[in-house]
Amino acid sequence: MSATAPTILVVEDDAIVRMLIVDVLEELEFQVLEAADAEEALKVVEDSSKVINLMMTDVGLPDMDGKQLATKVRELRAELPILFASGYADSIDVPEGMHVIGKPFSIDQLRDKVKVILAV
């Protein structure tokens, strides 16, 4: 991908998991922003100078879960695609226009899911 590669905001409270996801996405040549929790993620989303093409969030975040975060993010950026990552992907009711990937996922599964969502 070029210098104008899509930017993905990764929201994950587990630092090791976040680092692995960020490394994989960067290896796949995406631009990546990261946040350790919902509060941090909202600050990034509220910054109108930040281009974000996709938000990937863990469902089980402390204080505010991924679905609550998604609701708030959609109030700020209504068209932003959202990808939930969860170990319980089969049991998540995903709102329209949002997607889910089950943890653990392979690099290929993540790449394919992101490319479908972003149509790249």
Protein backbone atom coordinates (compact mmCIF):
# COMPACT_ATOMS: atom_id res chain seq x y z
CA MET A 1 0.00 0.00 0.00
CA SER A 2 1.09 3.56 -0.56
CA ALA A 3 1.74 6.44 1.84
CA THR A 4 -2.00 7.01 1.76
CA ALA A 5 -2.66 3.59 3.29
CA PRO A 6 -5.82 3.41 5.39
CA THR A 7 -5.47 4.31 9.05
CA ILE A 8 -6.78 1.93 11.71
CA LEU A 9 -7.36 2.91 15.33
CA VAL A 10 -6.66 -0.11 17.54
CA VAL A 11 -8.32 -0.05 20.97
CA GLU A 12 -7.08 -2.82 23.26
CA ASP A 13 -6.43 -2.69 26.99
CA ASP A 14 -3.97 -5.60 27.03
CA ALA A 15 -0.64 -4.02 26.07
CA ILE A 16 0.85 -7.22 24.64
CA VAL A 17 -2.22 -8.00 22.53
CA ARG A 18 -2.36 -4.37 21.35
CA MET A 19 1.31 -4.47 20.39
CA LEU A 20 0.83 -7.69 18.42
CA ILE A 21 -2.21 -6.34 16.55
CA VAL A 22 -0.40 -3.07 15.77
CA ASP A 23 2.67 -4.97 14.55
CA VAL A 24 0.56 -7.17 12.27
CA LEU A 25 -1.37 -4.22 10.82
CA GLU A 26 1.84 -2.28 10.22
CA GLU A 27 3.36 -5.36 8.58
CA LEU A 28 0.30 -5.36 6.30
CA GLU A 29 1.22 -1.72 5.52
CA PHE A 30 -1.69 -0.01 7.27
CA GLN A 31 -1.19 3.20 9.23
CA VAL A 32 -2.03 2.55 12.89
CA LEU A 33 -3.14 4.68 15.83
CA GLU A 34 -3.50 3.02 19.21
CA ALA A 35 -5.42 3.49 22.42
CA ALA A 36 -5.30 1.51 25.66
CA ASP A 37 -8.88 2.26 26.67
CA ALA A 38 -12.12 3.90 25.56
CA GLU A 39 -11.21 7.30 27.01
CA GLU A 40 -7.97 7.40 25.02
CA ALA A 41 -9.79 6.21 21.90
CA LEU A 42 -12.42 8.95 22.20
CA LYS A 43 -9.68 11.60 22.42
CA VAL A 44 -8.20 10.30 19.16
CA VAL A 45 -11.60 10.19 17.46
CA GLU A 46 -12.49 13.69 18.70
CA ASP A 47 -9.31 15.06 17.10
CA SER A 48 -10.68 16.10 13.71
CA SER A 49 -7.15 16.35 12.30
CA LYS A 50 -6.80 12.55 12.60
CA VAL A 51 -7.86 10.54 9.58
CA ILE A 52 -9.32 7.21 10.72
CA ASN A 53 -10.65 4.70 8.22
CA LEU A 54 -11.49 1.90 10.69
CA MET A 55 -11.67 1.43 14.44
CA MET A 56 -10.80 -2.02 15.73
CA THR A 57 -11.78 -2.45 19.36
CA ASP A 58 -11.76 -5.16 21.95
CA VAL A 59 -15.26 -5.80 23.30
CA GLY A 60 -14.09 -6.29 26.89
CA LEU A 61 -12.61 -2.92 27.79
CA PRO A 62 -12.52 -1.60 31.38
CA ASP A 63 -14.96 1.18 32.36
CA MET A 64 -16.68 1.36 28.96
CA ASP A 65 -17.05 -1.76 26.83
CA GLY A 66 -16.40 -1.84 23.10
CA LYS A 67 -20.07 -1.57 22.18
CA GLN A 68 -20.55 1.53 24.35
CA LEU A 69 -17.40 3.00 22.81
CA ALA A 70 -18.72 2.25 19.32
CA THR A 71 -21.96 4.07 20.11
CA LYS A 72 -20.08 7.18 21.25
CA VAL A 73 -17.69 7.02 18.29
CA ARG A 74 -20.60 6.79 15.85
CA GLU A 75 -22.03 10.01 17.38
CA LEU A 76 -18.77 11.74 16.36
CA ARG A 77 -18.03 9.91 13.09
CA ALA A 78 -21.24 8.30 11.88
CA GLU A 79 -19.73 6.51 8.90
CA LEU A 80 -16.63 5.08 10.60
CA PRO A 81 -16.49 1.30 10.16
CA ILE A 82 -16.01 -0.58 13.42
CA LEU A 83 -14.47 -4.02 13.89
CA PHE A 84 -14.99 -5.74 17.23
CA ALA A 85 -12.43 -8.32 18.37
CA SER A 86 -13.69 -10.86 20.87
CA GLY A 87 -13.06 -14.32 22.19
CA TYR A 88 -16.85 -14.68 22.17
CA ALA A 89 -17.48 -13.56 18.60
CA ASP A 90 -20.30 -16.06 18.07
CA SER A 91 -22.35 -14.57 20.89
CA ILE A 92 -22.00 -10.88 20.01
CA ASP A 93 -24.97 -9.05 18.53
CA VAL A 94 -23.22 -6.73 16.08
CA PRO A 95 -25.05 -3.52 15.15
CA GLU A 96 -25.57 -2.74 11.48
CA GLY A 97 -22.46 -1.45 9.74
CA MET A 98 -20.18 -3.04 12.32
CA HIS A 99 -18.15 -6.23 12.09
CA VAL A 100 -16.62 -8.85 14.39
CA ILE A 101 -13.54 -11.06 14.33
CA GLY A 102 -13.02 -13.88 16.80
CA LYS A 103 -9.97 -14.03 19.02
CA PRO A 104 -7.59 -15.63 18.53
CA PHE A 105 -7.33 -14.78 14.84
CA SER A 106 -4.58 -15.42 12.32
CA ILE A 107 -2.72 -12.73 10.41
CA ASP A 108 -4.52 -13.88 7.26
CA GLN A 109 -7.94 -13.68 8.92
CA LEU A 110 -7.24 -10.15 10.17
CA ARG A 111 -5.88 -9.03 6.79
CA ASP A 112 -8.86 -10.49 4.92
CA LYS A 113 -11.41 -9.00 7.33
CA VAL A 114 -9.85 -5.52 7.22
CA LYS A 115 -9.53 -5.58 3.44
CA VAL A 116 -13.21 -6.54 3.05
CA ILE A 117 -14.34 -3.81 5.46
CA LEU A 118 -12.18 -1.15 3.80
CA ALA A 119 -12.68 -2.51 0.27
CA VAL A 120 -8.93 -2.34 -0.43
